[in-house]
Amino acid sequence: MLSTRFRPTLTHLLSVRFLGSATPRMVASKQPDLLSTTLAFEDPRAFKVKSLNELLRALSIFRLCSFPVLVNNCGKLMSIARTLLGRRGFSLLLRPTVYAQFVAGENETEISQSMEKMSSLGLRPMLAVPIEEDLGEGTGEKRYDDNMESMLECVRMSHSNAWSKDPMMQLKITALLSPELCVKLTTLIAQQPYDLDLLIRAMDGESISFPGLDEKDSAHFFCGLQRLNKIGEASVNKVRVLVDAEYTYMNPALSLVTMAMMKKFNKDSAWIWNTYQCYLKESRSLILEALSLSKSEGFCLGVKLVRGAYMDKERKLAEKEGRLDPIHKSWEDTNDSYNGSLNVMLEAISQNPDRFKIIVATHNEASVRQTAQRMEELGIDKHGGSVCFGQLLGMCDHVSLTLAKEGYAVYKSVPYGTVDDTLPYLVRRAQENRTVLQGIRKERDLLRQELQRRVRQRLKGGS
């Protein structure tokens, strides 16, 4: 049995022990040729559900996103546009274009309209409050409390509206706990692992003195855990909360807090999930660690599997600090990491689908097809709720709509808020996902084919 004391990493021996004990249930592959045909993602008819305006908007935005100079400087360009046009003029420019493509809306009425349309297409919304912080952006307890209220409102909207089965939402811990403290905790737990029960006692309201933290930091940590506890209590048995990963210099602290929440709230099902970034060399060992810890401590594990979004910053920081690059050297290595980690989770799910869950959060068609094929091989029911897929709102719709048509559970990450609230989110997502944005030629081609089909229909007098 593992100790309840959380460690940032486990030894290779632990990984070997876990893999050695696995006895996945293998069954014959079911109609592999049919599966590869239905998930080819080549059919432009996936976009038949889009209006003409939506087709034209997506084509225009994706075309602009194909220019690196625009993506790399989008923050500066938007700042200049806002200065020249003023707040109102800038909002009028952005709302029907970039904002409408990637954001659900500003108020609950607008959000509901977007979500109802999404639900009618067989897609499920995963609401995301676009709030996060990095070092030097600390805002004080009042702002963190306000952020908590926004998160609680997100829980309420996700649960009270009949948008989808098994509603999900995303959560950034640095919206509730200062990044500076997360960095301190990351350093501390590398030297002296924290006991998960210590954090749970603090969540339950017990006054705790945290090892290695001074009185001020302990007080802030306690307040942050109280905020997270309120969100956990509001969401359990209602909404699945997916905690985002962030930067390597704070991720161990984020995982520490998330694991404590899992131990407290994931007794019967996975209500709190953690995110694993497969562009990191340590990602597979971290997933093996989480699987082992969940088994020894008796809590359910939910995993959001992503490739990662902070590559350039992580590499520059490692070089500046003289550390080894934590990121895989090549795109191929990252793909191998993603698919290997995915397989580890699918094998665990095949053994116990009630205790382990995964959302395959990717725009990569090959990984999506591999997931579907592996589910067939392992006998994992696509309707069972243990495996689902996720893509960003406004992107990769040819994959999302095809998956939904084939009966898979598909979520779209859905930010919401005012133009001002979502602008930093849009800029960061554009920069962090520029490799994806510049590689959406196929989606543009499919959109163009659907547009041409409609033009031909009109010329022939069709509807």
Protein backbone atom coordinates (compact mmCIF):
# COMPACT_ATOMS: atom_id res chain seq x y z
CA MET A 1 0.00 0.00 0.00
CA LEU A 2 1.21 3.46 -0.80
CA SER A 3 1.40 6.11 1.85
CA THR A 4 -1.11 8.93 1.82
CA ARG A 5 1.87 11.24 1.56
CA PHE A 6 1.85 12.80 -1.89
CA ARG A 7 5.07 12.69 -3.89
CA PRO A 8 5.74 14.64 -7.11
CA THR A 9 7.12 11.45 -8.71
CA LEU A 10 7.39 7.74 -7.94
CA THR A 11 10.23 5.34 -8.79
CA HIS A 12 10.45 3.31 -11.95
CA LEU A 13 9.92 0.24 -9.78
CA LEU A 14 6.39 1.40 -9.00
CA SER A 15 5.61 1.74 -12.70
CA VAL A 16 6.90 -1.76 -13.40
CA ARG A 17 4.91 -3.18 -10.48
CA PHE A 18 1.68 -1.61 -11.67
CA LEU A 19 2.15 -2.72 -15.28
CA GLY A 20 3.09 -6.19 -14.16
CA SER A 21 -0.13 -6.55 -12.20
CA ALA A 22 -2.35 -5.48 -15.07
CA THR A 23 -4.37 -8.18 -16.78
CA PRO A 24 -6.42 -6.32 -19.36
CA ARG A 25 -9.45 -8.06 -20.76
CA MET A 26 -8.80 -8.54 -24.47
CA VAL A 27 -11.52 -9.31 -26.97
CA ALA A 28 -11.51 -9.64 -30.71
CA SER A 29 -11.59 -6.41 -32.64
CA LYS A 30 -15.06 -5.62 -33.94
CA GLN A 31 -15.32 -4.56 -37.57
CA PRO A 32 -12.03 -2.63 -37.76
CA ASP A 33 -12.55 -1.75 -41.43
CA LEU A 34 -15.96 -0.22 -40.67
CA LEU A 35 -14.51 1.72 -37.74
CA SER A 36 -11.68 3.18 -39.82
CA THR A 37 -14.20 4.21 -42.48
CA THR A 38 -16.67 5.91 -40.15
CA LEU A 39 -13.89 7.80 -38.32
CA ALA A 40 -12.03 8.95 -41.42
CA PHE A 41 -13.07 12.58 -40.71
CA GLU A 42 -13.18 13.27 -44.45
CA ASP A 43 -16.87 14.04 -44.93
CA PRO A 44 -17.69 17.75 -45.41
CA ARG A 45 -21.33 16.91 -44.63
CA ALA A 46 -20.33 17.15 -40.97
CA PHE A 47 -20.74 20.90 -41.50
CA LYS A 48 -24.26 20.71 -42.93
CA VAL A 49 -25.51 21.80 -39.51
CA LYS A 50 -23.70 25.14 -39.77
CA SER A 51 -25.38 28.24 -41.13
CA LEU A 52 -23.91 30.09 -44.08
CA ASN A 53 -22.69 32.86 -41.79
CA GLU A 54 -21.02 30.32 -39.51
CA LEU A 55 -19.25 28.71 -42.48
CA LEU A 56 -17.98 32.06 -43.76
CA ARG A 57 -16.90 33.18 -40.28
CA ALA A 58 -14.97 29.96 -39.59
CA LEU A 59 -13.27 30.03 -42.99
CA SER A 60 -12.21 33.66 -42.52
CA ILE A 61 -10.88 33.18 -38.99
CA PHE A 62 -9.03 29.95 -39.80
CA ARG A 63 -7.47 31.65 -42.80
CA LEU A 64 -6.19 34.48 -40.60
CA CYS A 65 -4.94 31.95 -38.05
CA SER A 66 -2.80 30.32 -40.72
CA PHE A 67 -0.45 33.34 -40.70
CA PRO A 68 2.15 32.92 -37.89
CA VAL A 69 2.89 36.64 -37.71
CA LEU A 70 -0.77 37.36 -36.85
CA VAL A 71 -1.03 34.58 -34.25
CA ASN A 72 2.29 35.38 -32.59
CA ASN A 73 1.40 39.07 -32.30
CA CYS A 74 -2.35 38.78 -31.73
CA GLY A 75 -2.10 40.22 -28.22
CA LYS A 76 -0.33 43.37 -29.41
CA LEU A 77 -2.62 43.71 -32.42
CA MET A 78 -5.75 43.43 -30.28
CA SER A 79 -4.35 45.97 -27.81
CA ILE A 80 -3.71 48.44 -30.67
CA ALA A 81 -7.18 47.85 -32.11
CA ARG A 82 -8.76 48.43 -28.72
CA THR A 83 -6.87 51.71 -28.32
CA LEU A 84 -7.84 52.94 -31.79
CA LEU A 85 -11.46 51.79 -31.74
CA GLY A 86 -12.22 52.31 -28.08
CA ARG A 87 -13.82 49.74 -25.81
CA ARG A 88 -17.22 49.80 -27.51
CA GLY A 89 -15.86 49.80 -31.06
CA PHE A 90 -13.44 46.99 -30.27
CA SER A 91 -16.27 44.93 -28.77
CA LEU A 92 -18.42 45.51 -31.87
CA LEU A 93 -15.52 44.26 -34.02
CA LEU A 94 -14.69 41.20 -31.95
CA ARG A 95 -18.16 40.00 -30.97
CA PRO A 96 -19.39 38.76 -34.38
CA THR A 97 -15.96 37.37 -35.34
CA VAL A 98 -13.33 35.82 -33.05
CA TYR A 99 -15.51 36.06 -29.95
CA ALA A 100 -18.50 34.38 -31.63
CA GLN A 101 -16.27 31.60 -32.97
CA PHE A 102 -14.63 30.63 -29.68
CA VAL A 103 -16.86 31.97 -26.84
CA ALA A 104 -20.38 30.84 -25.87
CA GLY A 105 -21.68 34.23 -24.79
CA GLU A 106 -21.70 36.83 -22.04
CA ASN A 107 -24.83 36.07 -19.99
CA GLU A 108 -26.85 32.98 -19.19
CA THR A 109 -29.37 33.65 -21.97
CA GLU A 110 -26.64 33.81 -24.64
CA ILE A 111 -24.84 30.83 -23.14
CA SER A 112 -28.07 28.80 -23.07
CA GLN A 113 -28.71 29.50 -26.75
CA SER A 114 -25.22 28.29 -27.65
CA MET A 115 -25.51 25.23 -25.42
CA GLU A 116 -28.93 24.22 -26.71
CA LYS A 117 -27.66 24.32 -30.28
CA MET A 118 -24.63 22.28 -29.26
CA SER A 119 -26.83 19.72 -27.52
CA SER A 120 -29.02 19.41 -30.63
CA LEU A 121 -25.88 18.32 -32.51
CA GLY A 122 -25.09 15.62 -29.97
CA LEU A 123 -22.25 17.61 -28.39
CA ARG A 124 -21.85 18.24 -24.67
CA PRO A 125 -20.66 21.55 -23.21
CA MET A 126 -17.78 21.74 -20.74
CA LEU A 127 -18.05 25.26 -19.34
CA ALA A 128 -14.85 27.13 -18.56
CA VAL A 129 -14.58 30.34 -16.55
CA PRO A 130 -11.66 32.11 -18.30
CA ILE A 131 -9.82 33.05 -15.11
CA GLU A 132 -6.20 32.20 -14.39
CA GLU A 133 -3.07 33.78 -13.01
CA ASP A 134 0.67 33.47 -13.40
CA LEU A 135 3.53 34.70 -11.24
CA GLY A 136 3.32 38.40 -10.49
CA GLU A 137 -0.43 38.57 -11.14
CA GLY A 138 -1.58 37.99 -7.57
CA THR A 139 -4.83 39.74 -6.71
CA GLY A 140 -5.57 39.17 -3.01
CA GLU A 141 -8.16 37.18 -1.08
CA LYS A 142 -11.13 39.34 -2.17
CA ARG A 143 -10.45 38.66 -5.85
CA TYR A 144 -9.97 34.93 -5.17
CA ASP A 145 -13.30 34.89 -3.31
CA ASP A 146 -14.94 36.60 -6.28
CA ASN A 147 -13.40 34.00 -8.58
CA MET A 148 -14.84 31.27 -6.36
CA GLU A 149 -18.30 32.78 -6.72
CA SER A 150 -17.86 32.73 -10.50
CA MET A 151 -16.88 29.05 -10.31
CA LEU A 152 -19.90 28.26 -8.13
CA GLU A 153 -22.11 30.01 -10.67
CA CYS A 154 -20.51 27.83 -13.34
CA VAL A 155 -21.42 24.73 -11.31
CA ARG A 156 -24.99 25.98 -10.99
CA MET A 157 -25.38 26.71 -14.72
CA SER A 158 -23.83 23.38 -15.69
CA HIS A 159 -26.18 21.45 -13.42
CA SER A 160 -29.45 23.37 -13.57
CA ASN A 161 -29.72 23.53 -17.38
CA ALA A 162 -30.54 20.30 -19.18
CA TRP A 163 -27.78 20.78 -21.75
CA SER A 164 -26.26 17.32 -21.52
CA LYS A 165 -25.88 14.15 -19.56
CA ASP A 166 -22.93 14.13 -17.14
CA PRO A 167 -22.12 17.88 -17.25
CA MET A 168 -18.49 18.94 -16.90
CA MET A 169 -16.68 22.18 -16.15
CA GLN A 170 -13.05 23.30 -16.06
CA LEU A 171 -11.25 24.84 -13.11
CA LYS A 172 -7.95 26.68 -12.76
CA ILE A 173 -6.55 26.34 -9.24
CA THR A 174 -4.49 29.52 -9.73
CA ALA A 175 -7.79 31.41 -9.89
CA LEU A 176 -8.31 30.43 -6.24
CA LEU A 177 -4.77 30.09 -4.87
CA SER A 178 -1.79 32.31 -5.64
CA PRO A 179 0.78 31.01 -8.16
CA GLU A 180 3.55 32.11 -5.78
CA LEU A 181 2.27 29.78 -3.08
CA CYS A 182 1.93 26.96 -5.61
CA VAL A 183 5.60 27.40 -6.52
CA LYS A 184 6.59 27.30 -2.83
CA LEU A 185 4.54 24.16 -2.28
CA THR A 186 6.14 22.50 -5.31
CA THR A 187 9.58 23.09 -3.79
CA LEU A 188 8.47 21.91 -0.34
CA ILE A 189 6.81 18.65 -1.38
CA ALA A 190 9.88 17.69 -3.41
CA GLN A 191 11.81 17.73 -0.11
CA GLN A 192 9.09 16.63 2.31
CA PRO A 193 5.96 15.00 0.85
CA TYR A 194 2.68 16.35 2.20
CA ASP A 195 0.02 14.09 3.68
CA LEU A 196 -3.24 14.29 1.71
CA ASP A 197 -5.18 13.93 4.97
CA LEU A 198 -3.61 17.17 6.21
CA LEU A 199 -5.17 19.05 3.32
CA ILE A 200 -8.51 17.29 3.78
CA ARG A 201 -8.59 18.30 7.44
CA ALA A 202 -8.03 21.91 6.35
CA MET A 203 -10.85 21.59 3.81
CA ASP A 204 -13.06 20.40 6.64
CA GLY A 205 -12.29 23.58 8.56
CA GLU A 206 -9.59 22.43 10.98
CA SER A 207 -6.96 25.06 11.69
CA ILE A 208 -3.74 23.65 10.26
CA SER A 209 -0.09 24.66 10.42
CA PHE A 210 1.43 23.54 7.13
CA PRO A 211 5.05 22.31 7.26
CA GLY A 212 7.49 24.74 5.65
CA LEU A 213 5.01 27.62 5.29
CA ASP A 214 5.03 30.77 7.39
CA GLU A 215 1.89 32.08 9.08
CA LYS A 216 0.84 34.28 6.14
CA ASP A 217 1.26 31.55 3.54
CA SER A 218 -0.46 28.99 5.78
CA ALA A 219 -3.43 31.34 6.17
CA HIS A 220 -3.67 31.86 2.42
CA PHE A 221 -3.35 28.11 1.75
CA PHE A 222 -6.12 27.43 4.26
CA CYS A 223 -8.39 29.99 2.55
CA GLY A 224 -7.62 28.50 -0.86
CA LEU A 225 -8.46 24.99 0.34
CA GLN A 226 -11.70 26.28 1.82
CA ARG A 227 -12.62 27.80 -1.55
CA LEU A 228 -11.85 24.54 -3.35
CA ASN A 229 -13.84 22.62 -0.77
CA LYS A 230 -16.92 24.76 -1.43
CA ILE A 231 -16.64 24.04 -5.14
CA GLY A 232 -16.19 20.33 -4.45
CA GLU A 233 -19.23 20.22 -2.17
CA ALA A 234 -21.34 22.09 -4.72
CA SER A 235 -20.32 19.86 -7.64
CA VAL A 236 -20.24 16.32 -6.19
CA ASN A 237 -23.04 14.14 -7.60
CA LYS A 238 -23.88 16.95 -10.04
CA VAL A 239 -21.00 18.24 -12.18
CA ARG A 240 -17.59 16.75 -12.96
CA VAL A 241 -14.83 19.29 -12.29
CA LEU A 242 -11.75 19.01 -14.49
CA VAL A 243 -8.74 20.73 -12.92
CA ASP A 244 -6.37 22.14 -15.54
CA ALA A 245 -2.63 21.60 -15.47
CA GLU A 246 -0.48 24.70 -15.82
CA TYR A 247 3.32 25.21 -15.66
CA THR A 248 5.87 22.64 -14.46
CA TYR A 249 7.07 24.97 -11.71
CA MET A 250 3.67 24.70 -10.02
CA ASN A 251 2.07 21.50 -11.36
CA PRO A 252 3.14 19.25 -8.45
CA ALA A 253 1.36 21.60 -6.02
CA LEU A 254 -1.74 21.65 -8.23
CA SER A 255 -1.73 17.84 -8.35
CA LEU A 256 -1.28 17.68 -4.58
CA VAL A 257 -4.40 19.78 -4.03
CA THR A 258 -6.33 17.93 -6.73
CA MET A 259 -5.45 14.52 -5.27
CA ALA A 260 -6.64 15.69 -1.85
CA MET A 261 -9.93 16.76 -3.43
CA MET A 262 -10.17 13.39 -5.18
CA LYS A 263 -9.63 11.52 -1.95
CA LYS A 264 -12.37 13.53 -0.27
CA PHE A 265 -14.97 13.71 -3.05
CA ASN A 266 -14.28 10.76 -5.39
CA LYS A 267 -15.44 7.96 -3.14
CA ASP A 268 -18.09 6.48 -5.44
CA SER A 269 -17.35 8.14 -8.78
CA ALA A 270 -14.85 10.53 -10.37
CA TRP A 271 -16.19 14.03 -9.70
CA ILE A 272 -12.79 15.74 -9.51
CA TRP A 273 -10.40 15.08 -12.41
CA ASN A 274 -6.73 15.97 -12.96
CA THR A 275 -5.04 16.97 -16.21
CA TYR A 276 -1.87 15.34 -17.56
CA GLN A 277 0.27 17.03 -20.24
CA CYS A 278 1.86 14.42 -22.50
CA TYR A 279 4.46 16.74 -23.97
CA LEU A 280 6.20 16.38 -20.59
CA LYS A 281 8.72 13.55 -20.36
CA GLU A 282 7.36 12.55 -16.94
CA SER A 283 3.68 12.36 -17.96
CA ARG A 284 3.38 8.58 -18.11
CA SER A 285 5.05 8.06 -14.73
CA LEU A 286 2.72 10.67 -13.22
CA ILE A 287 -0.33 8.83 -14.55
CA LEU A 288 0.99 5.52 -13.19
CA GLU A 289 1.55 7.26 -9.85
CA ALA A 290 -2.01 8.58 -9.83
CA LEU A 291 -3.46 5.17 -10.71
CA SER A 292 -1.50 3.50 -7.92
CA LEU A 293 -2.40 6.18 -5.39
CA SER A 294 -6.09 6.01 -6.28
CA LYS A 295 -6.08 2.24 -5.83
CA SER A 296 -4.24 2.31 -2.51
CA GLU A 297 -6.32 5.18 -1.10
CA GLY A 298 -9.62 3.94 -2.46
CA PHE A 299 -10.72 6.92 -4.55
CA CYS A 300 -11.88 7.08 -8.17
CA LEU A 301 -9.55 8.67 -10.72
CA GLY A 302 -10.62 10.99 -13.51
CA VAL A 303 -7.98 11.95 -16.10
CA LYS A 304 -8.03 14.68 -18.71
CA LEU A 305 -5.32 13.78 -21.20
CA VAL A 306 -3.83 16.62 -23.27
CA ARG A 307 -0.65 17.12 -25.27
CA GLY A 308 0.11 20.45 -23.60
CA ALA A 309 0.07 24.15 -24.30
CA TYR A 310 3.07 25.84 -22.68
CA MET A 311 5.92 24.35 -24.70
CA ASP A 312 7.87 27.46 -25.69
CA LYS A 313 7.72 29.07 -22.26
CA GLU A 314 8.74 25.81 -20.52
CA ARG A 315 11.74 25.35 -22.82
CA LYS A 316 12.92 28.95 -22.47
CA LEU A 317 12.62 28.78 -18.69
CA ALA A 318 14.53 25.49 -18.50
CA GLU A 319 17.31 26.95 -20.66
CA LYS A 320 17.44 30.13 -18.57
CA GLU A 321 17.69 28.14 -15.32
CA GLY A 322 20.16 25.59 -16.70
CA ARG A 323 17.75 22.67 -16.26
CA LEU A 324 17.07 19.77 -18.58
CA ASP A 325 14.27 20.47 -21.03
CA PRO A 326 11.13 18.84 -19.52
CA ILE A 327 9.44 18.68 -22.95
CA HIS A 328 9.81 15.83 -25.43
CA LYS A 329 12.26 16.65 -28.20
CA SER A 330 9.93 16.01 -31.12
CA TRP A 331 6.27 15.96 -32.10
CA GLU A 332 6.64 12.21 -32.73
CA ASP A 333 7.90 11.65 -29.17
CA THR A 334 4.96 13.63 -27.81
CA ASN A 335 2.57 11.53 -29.89
CA ASP A 336 4.16 8.34 -28.53
CA SER A 337 3.83 9.72 -25.00
CA TYR A 338 0.18 10.63 -25.54
CA ASN A 339 -0.77 7.31 -27.10
CA GLY A 340 1.18 5.32 -24.50
CA SER A 341 -0.45 7.18 -21.59
CA LEU A 342 -3.81 6.78 -23.28
CA ASN A 343 -3.31 3.03 -23.52
CA VAL A 344 -2.39 2.78 -19.83
CA MET A 345 -5.66 4.48 -18.89
CA LEU A 346 -7.78 2.44 -21.31
CA GLU A 347 -6.38 -0.80 -19.90
CA ALA A 348 -7.18 0.37 -16.37
CA ILE A 349 -10.70 1.34 -17.47
CA SER A 350 -11.23 -2.04 -19.13
CA GLN A 351 -10.57 -3.68 -15.75
CA ASN A 352 -12.70 -1.31 -13.68
CA PRO A 353 -14.80 1.18 -15.70
CA ASP A 354 -16.61 2.42 -12.60
CA ARG A 355 -13.41 3.59 -10.85
CA PHE A 356 -11.42 5.09 -13.73
CA LYS A 357 -12.49 7.73 -16.28
CA ILE A 358 -10.76 9.61 -19.07
CA ILE A 359 -11.50 12.46 -21.45
CA VAL A 360 -9.32 12.19 -24.54
CA ALA A 361 -8.80 15.92 -25.05
CA THR A 362 -7.17 16.19 -28.44
CA HIS A 363 -7.57 17.55 -31.97
CA ASN A 364 -5.30 14.80 -33.31
CA GLU A 365 -7.30 12.51 -35.57
CA ALA A 366 -4.87 9.59 -35.24
CA SER A 367 -5.18 9.59 -31.43
CA VAL A 368 -8.97 9.75 -31.70
CA ARG A 369 -9.03 6.77 -34.07
CA GLN A 370 -6.60 4.85 -31.87
CA THR A 371 -8.83 5.46 -28.85
CA ALA A 372 -11.91 4.18 -30.66
CA GLN A 373 -10.04 1.13 -31.96
CA ARG A 374 -8.57 0.33 -28.54
CA MET A 375 -12.01 0.66 -26.96
CA GLU A 376 -13.24 -1.96 -29.42
CA GLU A 377 -10.34 -4.28 -28.61
CA LEU A 378 -10.76 -3.94 -24.85
CA GLY A 379 -14.55 -4.17 -24.94
CA ILE A 380 -15.09 -0.68 -23.48
CA ASP A 381 -18.65 0.50 -24.07
CA LYS A 382 -18.69 3.87 -25.82
CA HIS A 383 -22.00 4.59 -24.08
CA GLY A 384 -20.69 3.60 -20.64
CA GLY A 385 -19.35 7.02 -19.60
CA SER A 386 -15.80 5.91 -18.82
CA VAL A 387 -14.27 7.29 -22.01
CA CYS A 388 -15.20 10.57 -23.69
CA PHE A 389 -13.58 13.00 -26.10
CA GLY A 390 -12.96 16.73 -25.91
CA GLN A 391 -12.13 19.58 -28.30
CA LEU A 392 -12.18 23.37 -28.11
CA LEU A 393 -15.32 25.28 -29.05
CA GLY A 394 -15.01 26.60 -32.59
CA MET A 395 -12.23 24.21 -33.59
CA CYS A 396 -12.00 20.68 -34.95
CA ASP A 397 -15.76 20.45 -35.51
CA HIS A 398 -15.32 17.84 -38.26
CA VAL A 399 -13.89 15.50 -35.61
CA SER A 400 -16.39 16.42 -32.88
CA LEU A 401 -19.47 16.11 -35.10
CA THR A 402 -18.32 12.81 -36.63
CA LEU A 403 -17.67 11.31 -33.20
CA ALA A 404 -21.06 12.46 -31.93
CA LYS A 405 -22.75 10.98 -35.00
CA GLU A 406 -21.10 7.63 -34.22
CA GLY A 407 -22.46 7.69 -30.66
CA TYR A 408 -19.35 8.70 -28.69
CA ALA A 409 -19.56 11.19 -25.82
CA VAL A 410 -17.99 14.43 -27.07
CA TYR A 411 -17.44 17.60 -25.03
CA LYS A 412 -16.52 21.04 -26.29
CA SER A 413 -14.50 23.30 -23.99
CA VAL A 414 -16.74 26.36 -23.74
CA PRO A 415 -15.40 29.65 -22.31
CA TYR A 416 -17.90 32.40 -21.54
CA GLY A 417 -17.89 35.99 -20.32
CA THR A 418 -17.59 39.53 -21.66
CA VAL A 419 -15.17 40.48 -24.43
CA ASP A 420 -12.91 42.05 -21.78
CA ASP A 421 -13.09 38.95 -19.57
CA THR A 422 -12.31 36.51 -22.37
CA LEU A 423 -9.71 38.55 -24.28
CA PRO A 424 -6.71 37.30 -22.24
CA TYR A 425 -8.08 33.76 -22.63
CA LEU A 426 -8.41 34.13 -26.41
CA VAL A 427 -4.91 35.56 -26.76
CA ARG A 428 -3.34 32.85 -24.62
CA ARG A 429 -5.22 30.06 -26.38
CA ALA A 430 -4.24 31.41 -29.79
CA GLN A 431 -0.57 31.58 -28.83
CA GLU A 432 -0.50 28.28 -26.96
CA ASN A 433 -2.34 26.44 -29.71
CA ARG A 434 -0.75 28.12 -32.70
CA THR A 435 0.59 24.79 -33.96
CA VAL A 436 -3.00 23.54 -34.08
CA LEU A 437 -4.30 26.78 -35.57
CA GLN A 438 -1.72 26.69 -38.35
CA GLY A 439 -2.47 23.03 -39.03
CA ILE A 440 -6.21 23.29 -39.63
CA ARG A 441 -5.92 23.21 -43.40
CA LYS A 442 -8.06 20.07 -43.53
CA GLU A 443 -10.90 21.67 -41.58
CA ARG A 444 -10.70 24.71 -43.85
CA ASP A 445 -10.85 22.47 -46.92
CA LEU A 446 -13.91 20.65 -45.58
CA LEU A 447 -15.62 23.94 -44.77
CA ARG A 448 -14.84 25.19 -48.27
CA GLN A 449 -16.25 22.00 -49.81
CA GLU A 450 -19.48 22.41 -47.86
CA LEU A 451 -19.71 26.05 -48.92
CA GLN A 452 -19.20 25.07 -52.57
CA ARG A 453 -21.87 22.37 -52.25
CA ARG A 454 -24.37 24.95 -51.05
CA VAL A 455 -23.47 27.33 -53.87
CA ARG A 456 -24.04 24.57 -56.41
CA GLN A 457 -27.35 23.75 -54.76
CA ARG A 458 -28.44 27.37 -54.97
CA LEU A 459 -27.45 27.57 -58.65
CA LYS A 460 -29.46 24.43 -59.35
CA GLY A 461 -32.43 25.88 -57.50
CA GLY A 462 -32.07 23.45 -54.58
CA SER A 463 -32.82 24.25 -50.98
